[in-house]
Amino acid sequence: MLLGHIPAIAAETGWRDDYIRRRLGNITDALGRARSVNGGVVIW
């Protein structure tokens, strides 16, 4: 859901699009690994 709104997130936060995309990618990767072992992810 967030990936579809990166330009708006960037405009509001001042972070560059590529930075946001990379961080969301990290979260997505962590979610995939956690699901594979019936785990979870905490995002602060």
Protein backbone atom coordinates (compact mmCIF):
# COMPACT_ATOMS: atom_id res chain seq x y z
CA MET A 1 0.00 0.00 0.00
CA LEU A 2 2.77 2.44 0.91
CA LEU A 3 4.74 1.72 -2.27
CA GLY A 4 1.93 3.30 -4.27
CA HIS A 5 2.33 6.57 -2.38
CA ILE A 6 6.09 7.09 -2.31
CA PRO A 7 6.02 10.56 -3.96
CA ALA A 8 3.48 11.80 -1.39
CA ILE A 9 5.46 10.27 1.49
CA ALA A 10 8.63 11.89 0.15
CA ALA A 11 6.93 15.27 -0.12
CA GLU A 12 5.67 15.07 3.46
CA THR A 13 8.85 13.73 5.05
CA GLY A 14 11.59 15.37 2.99
CA TRP A 15 13.23 11.97 2.35
CA ARG A 16 14.15 11.04 -1.23
CA ASP A 17 12.01 8.52 -3.13
CA ASP A 18 14.86 6.00 -3.45
CA TYR A 19 15.54 6.12 0.30
CA ILE A 20 11.88 5.42 1.11
CA ARG A 21 11.68 2.66 -1.50
CA ARG A 22 14.82 0.99 -0.07
CA ARG A 23 13.52 1.13 3.51
CA LEU A 24 10.12 -0.24 2.50
CA GLY A 25 11.95 -3.00 0.62
CA ASN A 26 13.81 -3.90 3.80
CA ILE A 27 10.51 -4.15 5.68
CA THR A 28 8.97 -6.25 2.92
CA ASP A 29 11.97 -8.60 2.93
CA ALA A 30 11.80 -8.93 6.73
CA LEU A 31 8.09 -9.73 6.53
CA GLY A 32 8.74 -12.48 3.99
CA ARG A 33 11.44 -14.05 6.16
CA ALA A 34 9.28 -13.81 9.28
CA ARG A 35 6.28 -15.39 7.56
CA SER A 36 8.43 -18.28 6.35
CA VAL A 37 9.08 -19.30 9.96
CA ASN A 38 5.64 -18.33 11.36
CA GLY A 39 7.15 -15.22 12.94
CA GLY A 40 6.37 -11.55 12.97
CA VAL A 41 7.97 -8.14 12.58
CA VAL A 42 7.84 -5.15 14.91
CA ILE A 43 8.12 -1.77 13.21
CA TRP A 44 8.90 1.20 15.45
